[in-house]
Amino acid sequence: MSKINTNVPSLIAQRVLGKNNQTLNTSLERLSTGLRINRGSDDPAGLIASENLRAERAGIEQAIDNAERASNLVGTAEGGLAEVSSLLQELQSLITEAANSGGLSTEEIDANQQQVDTVLNTINRLANNVQFNGKKLLDGSLAYTTSGVQNTQFDNVRINSARLSEGAELNVVVNVVASGQLAAIDYTLSGTTAAPVTIEVAGVNGTEQISFASGTSLSGIQAAVNNLADATGVSATVASGGGTLTFNSTAFGASQYVTVRAISGTFATSSSSGTEYGTDASVTINGNAAEVDGISVKLRTNQLDVEFDLDTSFNVPGSSSFNVTGGGANFQLGQKVNAGAQKSIGLNAVTVGNLGNSTLGYLSSLASGKDNDLNSGNLSTAQNILDRSIKQVSDLRGRLGAFQKFELGSTVNSLGVALENISAAESAIRDTDFAEETANLTRAQILSAASQSVLAQANSAPQSALNLLR
């Protein structure tokens, strides 16, 4: 080499040494952090993909936490309901015992009433104090709110679940296609019965035989049938013009029936078979065919779970609507905040003023001095209210159990699988492969050492020019 101002081999060696040192530093950084991508320049496309996957993973992890928190809340509510259910069973025993009035003294019935009052107070206390993280669960604060519900059209409206868009209301359009009918049999009589007659009257509650003396009027037959309405499920009404007595089932629906037949004497009715059945109403809600038992309506869809009774004045073909305006316990169960990733369930109040319904009465009417206390003589009504209350609590427990097992449990399971796969995908892009990187490190160390040796030789090469000056 005869030129000394520009040492080209040294420049080449310096460039290669810098490159090898950079590779060595990159390998050291990857091995020390455990990440293949530490900055955008390491892999721009890989960084974008891994950041998106990291965002999804963070959302999934939080969704799992949300579902587990929701499960804890639901479990707390269900525990409170279990105790309410136990107290209602105690009331069942007390009412049944009080009905045995021939074997109980007045003092014993009063003592039972005192227990009833204590149970009612305890149910209210539980309803107002069962809470999770400061949020009351059974006092009705997590029930859905509605507007436009006309009490002349809809009775006992309960919204169990509803999917509401953010800040929006859900319009519930109810169309009665066909009305529900009572089971009915007519009997026509001019004047009074001409001869003694014994008839058998049967309905869903039971069968009774009633005897009438000759000369009994329609109003007399009506009074006798109505006196046994609780035992048979059949009542009687006399037409306004007189002359026709109608035996009606006490409730609407295809499950209701009326049977009237003569045991002795003559008692000809309008029914050739002696038995007539009611019919269920036909109802659609937002275009979906509803499940109807008499005039009790239920609809369960992914968007709406609602139940109510048609008011008798609205038990005719026609249409009306109301709105679900908000409320409910809302849970975010997906990684993205949208309606599809959210689930909602309503927790109606289980206070004694809400258990029961407007048709039968409410559980609070069993308290001392109220219409259906143990001294009122209305124990049959009291038990009907209690049966309704027990069903309401058990239905709510069942809905919470299904929500906890299927909605929340299945969500946690599926999100767990998704988290595994998202994490694996992100790891494949972002994490260091130590086997590969240690090989790269060894190679870079050798090349760096070789480059330094070559650079030293390249720097000493121009000294050969001194030989030409000697």
Foldseek 3Di string as FASTA:
>chain_A
DQDDPDLVLLVVLVVLLVVLVVLLVLLVVQVVVQWQDPDCVSPVVLVVVLVVLVLQLVLLVVLLVLLVLLLVFLVLVLVLLVVLLVLLVVVVVLLVVLVVVVVDDPVVQVVSLVSLQVSQVVLQVSQQPRDDPPHRFFAAQQFFDWPDDDPQWWWPKGWWWAQDFVQGKDKKKKFFPAFWWWAKKKFFDDQWAQAKWWKWKAKPQGIDIDIDGTRHALVNVQVVQQVCCNNHQWHWDADPVGGMIMITRVATAQRIKIAMDTPDDDTDIPDPVRMTGIHWIWMDIPNHTWDTGGQWTFDDDPGTTMIIGTRPSNRHGDMDIMIRRDGFDKTQNRSDPGSVRMTTTGNGHLRQQSQFTPVLHTNVQCHPPHCNDSPNPVSVSNVVSSVSRSVVSVVVSVVSVCCSCPVSVVSSVVSVVVSVVSVVVSCVSIGDPSVVSVVSSVVSVVSSVVSVVSSVVSSCVNVVNVVVVD
